[in-house]
Protein backbone atom coordinates (compact mmCIF):
# COMPACT_ATOMS: atom_id res chain seq x y z
CA MET A 1 146.24 133.22 96.75
CA LEU A 2 143.83 136.07 97.35
CA ASP A 3 141.71 134.75 94.50
CA LYS A 4 141.31 131.53 96.52
CA ILE A 5 140.27 133.54 99.56
CA ALA A 6 137.68 135.43 97.52
CA ILE A 7 136.32 132.15 96.12
CA LEU A 8 136.21 130.64 99.62
CA LEU A 9 134.23 133.61 100.97
CA VAL A 10 131.82 133.47 98.03
CA ALA A 11 131.34 129.73 98.64
CA LEU A 12 130.43 130.36 102.29
CA LEU A 13 127.96 133.07 101.26
CA LEU A 14 126.38 130.78 98.65
CA ASP A 15 126.07 128.02 101.24
CA ALA A 16 123.57 130.20 103.09
CA LEU A 17 121.22 129.70 100.12
CA GLY A 18 121.18 125.93 100.65
CA ASP A 19 121.94 123.03 98.32
CA PRO A 20 120.59 122.49 94.80
CA PRO A 21 118.46 119.40 94.04
CA ASN A 22 120.37 116.13 93.63
CA ARG A 23 119.98 116.13 89.86
CA LEU A 24 122.16 119.26 89.77
CA HIS A 25 124.59 118.36 92.55
CA PRO A 26 128.08 117.01 91.69
CA VAL A 27 128.26 114.97 94.89
CA ALA A 28 125.03 113.19 93.91
CA TRP A 29 126.61 112.49 90.52
CA MET A 30 129.65 111.05 92.29
CA GLY A 31 127.38 108.86 94.39
CA SER A 32 125.54 107.61 91.32
CA ALA A 33 128.83 106.77 89.60
CA ILE A 34 130.14 104.94 92.68
CA ASP A 35 126.90 102.96 93.00
CA ALA A 36 127.00 101.97 89.32
CA LEU A 37 130.63 100.81 89.65
CA ARG A 38 129.79 98.95 92.88
CA ARG A 39 127.09 96.95 91.13
CA ARG A 40 129.57 95.95 88.43
CA ALA A 41 132.32 94.94 90.88
CA PRO A 42 133.23 91.24 91.23
CA ALA A 43 131.15 89.37 93.81
CA ASN A 44 132.40 86.87 96.41
CA HIS A 45 136.07 87.24 95.51
CA SER A 46 138.04 89.16 98.11
CA SER A 47 141.18 89.98 96.12
CA ARG A 48 139.24 91.12 93.05
CA GLN A 49 136.92 93.19 95.20
CA LEU A 50 139.92 94.78 96.91
CA VAL A 51 141.36 95.77 93.54
CA ALA A 52 137.98 96.98 92.30
CA GLY A 53 137.51 99.16 95.37
CA GLY A 54 140.97 100.65 94.89
CA LEU A 55 140.25 101.38 91.24
CA ILE A 56 136.93 103.02 92.10
CA ALA A 57 138.51 105.25 94.75
CA CYS A 58 141.77 106.14 93.00
CA GLY A 59 140.28 106.30 89.52
CA GLY A 60 137.38 108.44 90.68
CA MET A 61 139.70 110.79 92.55
CA SER A 62 141.85 111.16 89.44
CA VAL A 63 138.83 111.98 87.30
CA ALA A 64 137.51 114.45 89.89
CA ALA A 65 140.93 116.11 90.16
CA GLY A 66 141.18 116.30 86.38
CA ILE A 67 137.78 117.95 86.14
CA GLY A 68 138.80 120.34 88.90
CA TRP A 69 142.01 121.22 87.04
CA LEU A 70 140.08 121.87 83.83
CA LEU A 71 137.50 124.02 85.62
CA ALA A 72 140.25 125.97 87.37
CA ARG A 73 141.94 126.68 84.03
CA LEU A 74 138.66 127.80 82.50
CA ILE A 75 137.61 130.17 85.28
CA ALA A 76 141.13 131.59 85.57
CA ASN A 77 140.58 133.21 82.18
CA LEU A 78 137.36 134.89 83.28
CA PRO A 79 137.32 138.45 84.62
CA ARG A 80 136.90 139.12 88.32
CA PRO A 81 134.48 138.86 90.03
CA LEU A 82 132.85 136.39 87.62
CA ASN A 83 135.59 133.83 88.25
CA TRP A 84 135.07 134.22 92.01
CA LEU A 85 131.35 133.56 91.63
CA ILE A 86 131.77 130.45 89.47
CA GLY A 87 134.67 129.18 91.56
CA GLY A 88 132.68 129.78 94.74
CA LEU A 89 129.72 127.87 93.32
CA ILE A 90 131.95 124.87 92.56
CA VAL A 91 133.61 124.93 95.99
CA LYS A 92 130.23 125.29 97.69
CA MET A 93 129.22 121.96 96.13
CA THR A 94 131.97 120.20 98.11
CA PHE A 95 130.58 121.13 101.54
CA SER A 96 127.26 121.90 103.20
CA LEU A 97 127.33 123.88 106.41
CA ARG A 98 123.71 124.95 106.17
CA GLY A 99 122.56 121.46 105.16
CA LEU A 100 124.15 119.91 108.22
CA ALA A 101 122.79 122.62 110.50
CA ASP A 102 119.29 122.23 109.04
CA ALA A 103 119.37 118.43 109.47
CA ALA A 104 120.41 118.81 113.11
CA ASP A 105 117.72 121.43 113.70
CA GLU A 106 115.04 119.11 112.32
CA VAL A 107 116.05 116.48 114.87
CA TYR A 108 116.04 119.12 117.63
CA ARG A 109 112.52 120.22 116.77
CA ALA A 110 111.26 116.64 116.68
CA LEU A 111 112.81 115.89 120.08
CA ALA A 112 111.60 119.19 121.56
CA SER A 113 108.04 118.32 120.53
CA GLY A 114 108.34 114.82 122.02
CA ASN A 115 108.08 113.06 118.65
CA LEU A 116 110.65 110.29 119.09
CA GLU A 117 109.54 108.35 116.01
CA GLN A 118 110.06 111.38 113.82
CA ALA A 119 113.43 112.06 115.44
CA ARG A 120 114.53 108.45 114.87
CA ARG A 121 113.53 108.68 111.22
CA LEU A 122 115.37 111.98 110.73
CA VAL A 123 118.57 110.83 112.43
CA SER A 124 118.62 107.66 110.35
CA TRP A 125 117.76 109.48 107.13
CA HIS A 126 120.10 112.47 107.40
CA LEU A 127 122.89 111.77 109.85
CA VAL A 128 123.92 108.20 110.77
CA SER A 129 123.91 104.70 109.34
CA ARG A 130 123.25 102.89 112.63
CA ASP A 131 119.88 101.43 113.60
CA THR A 132 117.94 104.18 115.36
CA SER A 133 114.68 102.31 115.93
CA MET A 134 115.29 101.73 119.65
CA LEU A 135 117.21 104.90 120.57
CA ASN A 136 115.84 107.09 123.36
CA GLU A 137 115.94 110.89 123.47
CA ALA A 138 119.46 111.12 124.95
CA GLN A 139 120.82 108.61 122.45
CA LEU A 140 119.21 110.43 119.53
CA ALA A 141 120.66 113.73 120.73
CA ALA A 142 124.07 112.07 121.14
CA ALA A 143 123.97 110.58 117.62
CA THR A 144 123.07 113.97 116.18
CA ILE A 145 125.86 115.77 118.06
CA GLU A 146 128.38 113.10 117.04
CA SER A 147 127.38 113.54 113.40
CA VAL A 148 127.61 117.32 113.62
CA ALA A 149 131.08 117.10 115.16
CA GLU A 150 132.44 114.49 112.75
CA ASN A 151 130.96 116.22 109.71
CA THR A 152 132.44 119.52 110.81
CA SER A 153 135.72 117.82 109.96
CA ASP A 154 135.09 115.69 106.89
CA GLY A 155 132.08 117.56 105.54
CA ILE A 156 133.29 121.16 105.95
CA ILE A 157 136.84 121.76 107.18
CA ALA A 158 138.48 119.04 105.05
CA PRO A 159 137.15 120.07 101.61
CA LEU A 160 137.84 123.73 102.36
CA LEU A 161 141.35 122.89 103.57
CA TYR A 162 142.11 120.88 100.44
CA PHE A 163 140.79 123.73 98.33
CA ILE A 164 143.15 126.18 100.03
CA ILE A 165 146.12 123.81 99.67
CA VAL A 166 145.51 122.26 96.22
CA GLY A 167 142.69 124.30 94.67
CA LEU A 168 139.63 122.92 92.90
CA PRO A 169 141.35 119.62 92.03
CA GLY A 170 142.02 118.97 95.72
CA ALA A 171 138.52 119.86 96.88
CA LEU A 172 136.78 117.69 94.27
CA ALA A 173 139.19 114.76 94.66
CA TYR A 174 138.70 114.82 98.43
CA ARG A 175 134.93 114.94 98.07
CA PHE A 176 135.00 111.89 95.79
CA ALA A 177 137.21 109.95 98.24
CA ASN A 178 134.96 110.81 101.17
CA THR A 179 131.82 109.88 99.22
CA ALA A 180 133.38 106.55 98.21
CA ASP A 181 134.15 105.79 101.85
CA ALA A 182 130.62 106.78 102.91
CA MET A 183 129.12 104.38 100.36
CA LEU A 184 131.61 101.50 100.39
CA GLY A 185 133.39 101.62 103.73
CA TYR A 186 131.27 99.07 105.58
CA ARG A 187 132.07 95.65 106.99
CA ASP A 188 129.07 93.79 105.65
CA THR A 189 129.43 90.82 103.33
CA ALA A 190 128.97 92.80 100.13
CA ARG A 191 131.44 95.59 100.94
CA GLU A 192 133.98 94.10 103.37
CA TRP A 193 136.75 93.98 100.76
CA LEU A 194 135.35 96.44 98.24
CA GLY A 195 135.47 99.24 100.78
CA LYS A 196 138.86 98.60 102.38
CA ILE A 197 140.96 100.86 100.14
CA PRO A 198 138.37 103.68 99.98
CA ALA A 199 138.15 103.58 103.80
CA ARG A 200 141.92 103.65 104.32
CA LEU A 201 142.34 106.39 101.74
CA ASP A 202 139.71 108.49 103.49
CA ASP A 203 141.49 107.88 106.80
CA VAL A 204 144.75 109.24 105.38
CA LEU A 205 143.12 112.28 103.82
CA ASN A 206 141.40 113.17 107.10
CA LEU A 207 144.41 112.86 109.39
CA LEU A 208 145.14 116.58 109.28
CA PRO A 209 141.56 117.95 108.98
CA ALA A 210 140.30 115.93 111.97
CA ARG A 211 143.00 117.25 114.29
CA LEU A 212 142.66 120.78 112.95
CA THR A 213 138.90 120.60 113.50
CA ALA A 214 139.39 119.57 117.13
CA LEU A 215 141.65 122.58 117.63
CA LEU A 216 139.10 124.85 116.00
CA LEU A 217 136.32 123.40 118.16
CA MET A 218 138.39 124.11 121.23
CA ALA A 219 138.90 127.71 120.09
CA ALA A 220 135.19 127.91 119.26
CA ALA A 221 134.40 126.72 122.78
CA ALA A 222 136.36 129.67 124.15
CA LEU A 223 134.49 132.10 121.92
CA THR A 224 131.04 130.69 122.70
CA GLY A 225 131.45 130.40 126.46
CA GLU A 226 131.83 126.61 126.60
CA ASP A 227 134.35 124.77 128.79
CA VAL A 228 137.76 125.06 127.08
CA ARG A 229 139.67 123.10 129.72
CA MET A 230 137.24 120.21 129.55
CA THR A 231 137.39 120.32 125.75
CA LEU A 232 141.15 119.78 125.84
CA ALA A 233 141.01 117.21 128.65
CA VAL A 234 138.39 114.99 126.99
CA TRP A 235 140.01 115.37 123.58
CA GLN A 236 143.40 114.26 124.93
CA ARG A 237 141.86 111.36 126.86
CA ASP A 238 139.28 110.00 124.42
CA TRP A 239 140.38 110.77 120.85
CA ASN A 240 141.61 107.19 120.31
CA LYS A 241 138.52 105.39 121.60
CA THR A 242 136.76 105.19 118.24
CA ALA A 243 137.50 102.62 115.55
CA SER A 244 138.26 105.45 113.14
CA PRO A 245 141.66 107.12 113.64
CA ASN A 246 140.04 110.48 112.94
CA ALA A 247 136.40 110.62 114.10
CA GLY A 248 137.37 110.57 117.77
CA HIS A 249 139.15 113.92 117.54
CA PRO A 250 136.23 116.24 116.74
CA MET A 251 133.68 114.09 118.60
CA SER A 252 135.65 113.95 121.86
CA ALA A 253 136.39 117.69 121.61
CA ALA A 254 132.67 118.38 121.21
CA ALA A 255 131.80 116.09 124.13
CA GLY A 256 134.24 117.95 126.36
CA ALA A 257 133.09 121.38 125.23
CA LEU A 258 129.44 120.55 125.93
CA GLY A 259 130.13 118.60 129.14
CA ILE A 260 128.23 115.57 127.89
CA GLU A 261 128.80 111.85 127.35
CA LEU A 262 128.64 110.56 123.78
CA ALA A 263 128.31 106.79 123.57
CA LYS A 264 127.69 104.24 120.86
CA ASN A 265 126.64 100.89 122.31
CA GLY A 266 129.45 98.36 122.29
CA GLN A 267 131.88 100.68 120.50
CA TYR A 268 132.93 103.77 122.46
CA VAL A 269 132.19 106.20 125.25
CA LEU A 270 133.48 109.76 124.85
CA GLY A 271 133.33 112.20 127.74
CA ALA A 272 132.65 109.48 130.30
CA GLY A 273 131.26 111.01 133.46
CA GLY A 274 129.51 113.83 131.67
CA ARG A 275 125.76 114.23 131.76
CA ALA A 276 123.42 112.67 129.23
CA PRO A 277 122.88 114.94 126.22
CA THR A 278 119.54 116.64 125.67
CA ALA A 279 117.82 118.17 122.67
CA GLY A 280 119.12 121.58 123.70
CA ASP A 281 122.72 120.42 123.30
CA ILE A 282 122.13 119.94 119.57
CA GLY A 283 121.87 123.69 119.05
CA ARG A 284 125.04 124.22 121.07
CA SER A 285 126.90 121.73 118.88
CA VAL A 286 125.72 123.53 115.74
CA ARG A 287 126.90 126.82 117.20
CA LEU A 288 130.32 125.27 117.81
CA MET A 289 130.39 123.98 114.22
CA LYS A 290 129.55 127.37 112.73
CA THR A 291 131.99 129.21 114.97
CA ALA A 292 134.80 126.75 114.20
CA THR A 293 134.19 127.13 110.45
CA LEU A 294 134.15 130.93 110.60
CA LEU A 295 137.20 130.95 112.85
CA GLY A 296 139.12 128.70 110.47
CA THR A 297 138.15 130.89 107.54
CA GLY A 298 139.17 134.01 109.42
CA LEU A 299 142.57 132.58 110.26
CA VAL A 300 143.15 131.66 106.60
CA VAL A 301 142.20 135.17 105.48
CA ILE A 302 144.40 136.87 108.06
CA GLY A 303 147.30 134.53 107.35
CA THR A 304 147.03 135.11 103.61
CA LEU A 305 146.92 138.89 103.95
CA PHE A 306 149.91 138.78 106.30
CA TRP A 307 151.86 136.54 103.91
CA CYS A 308 151.06 138.77 100.94
CA ARG A 309 152.11 141.87 102.84
CA LYS A 310 155.38 140.29 103.96
CA SER A 311 156.13 139.00 100.46
CA ARG A 312 156.10 142.49 98.94
CA PRO A 313 159.31 144.53 98.67
CA ALA A 314 159.90 146.67 101.74
CA SER A 315 160.13 149.80 99.60
CA VAL A 316 156.57 149.41 98.37
CA GLN A 317 154.20 151.06 100.81
CA ILE A 318 150.82 150.17 99.30
CA GLN A 319 148.29 147.50 100.18
CA PRO A 320 148.73 144.19 98.31
CA SER A 321 146.38 143.76 95.38
CA LEU A 322 144.70 140.65 94.06
CA LYS A 323 147.11 140.69 91.14
CA ASP A 324 150.10 140.57 93.51
CA CYS A 325 149.00 137.46 95.39
CA SER A 326 146.71 135.53 93.06
């Protein structure tokens, strides 16, 4: 288990260097494979599209898990710390803390300089799929904060959680499922049936991470001087106001922590009664995201060390080694 912790810490350190270009990124390869399969899926036939979507999601997850299992076997035979470095590089490819923070910061700088057109382009390009062409400053800030909060769960906490629980197969399989939902889980004519199984599968996989993320955001609010009571109150009141069974948890927790109202026209209002968000709130949401991630990592490390210590015979009075708990 301590090998997993070492790999996790290496992955977080490598994330500070940023992401490689798409041609070298496994998630981009997953996206290309999903797009190629989508173009070959049956058209205008709901039942066949439903089956095709299920095969894409489940088949792709199986392949990703198999690759993860093979990679885990290969690096397990390498000496430390080389296996930590390679394992950390693979795990880093399943999440992007810095990438999300950088995307949010670009929107902040555009809003702070009064360049709404640039902010609209950045929000649409990096963060959300909705039409941003008519959004004002508060709405652009809200969309950015919503994306930061939701992606704290499914873009960071979830892949790291599945790595801790299942190892590389879990992290890579989750990332494929989440990518399939991001590309196919829409209710337009072309993807209404094709994306149903990928969307439901992603919902199931994120049931635990979304709720854990909300808890971590509440703890992060306490550590960063935000309003913990309001975080809990808004989370309890508004978590079920989104169409997704999961997105409302981290987003409502973030709305409460920041004391703001997050609204998507015709769909939901989270933190009703709070003030309209501003560009400055984007930085606060990123701080919550980073603190929640570090807090979650710290709890995993402490819990693992405690478990390893307790699992040793009482007569042995030395610190647990990597060999004891790997």
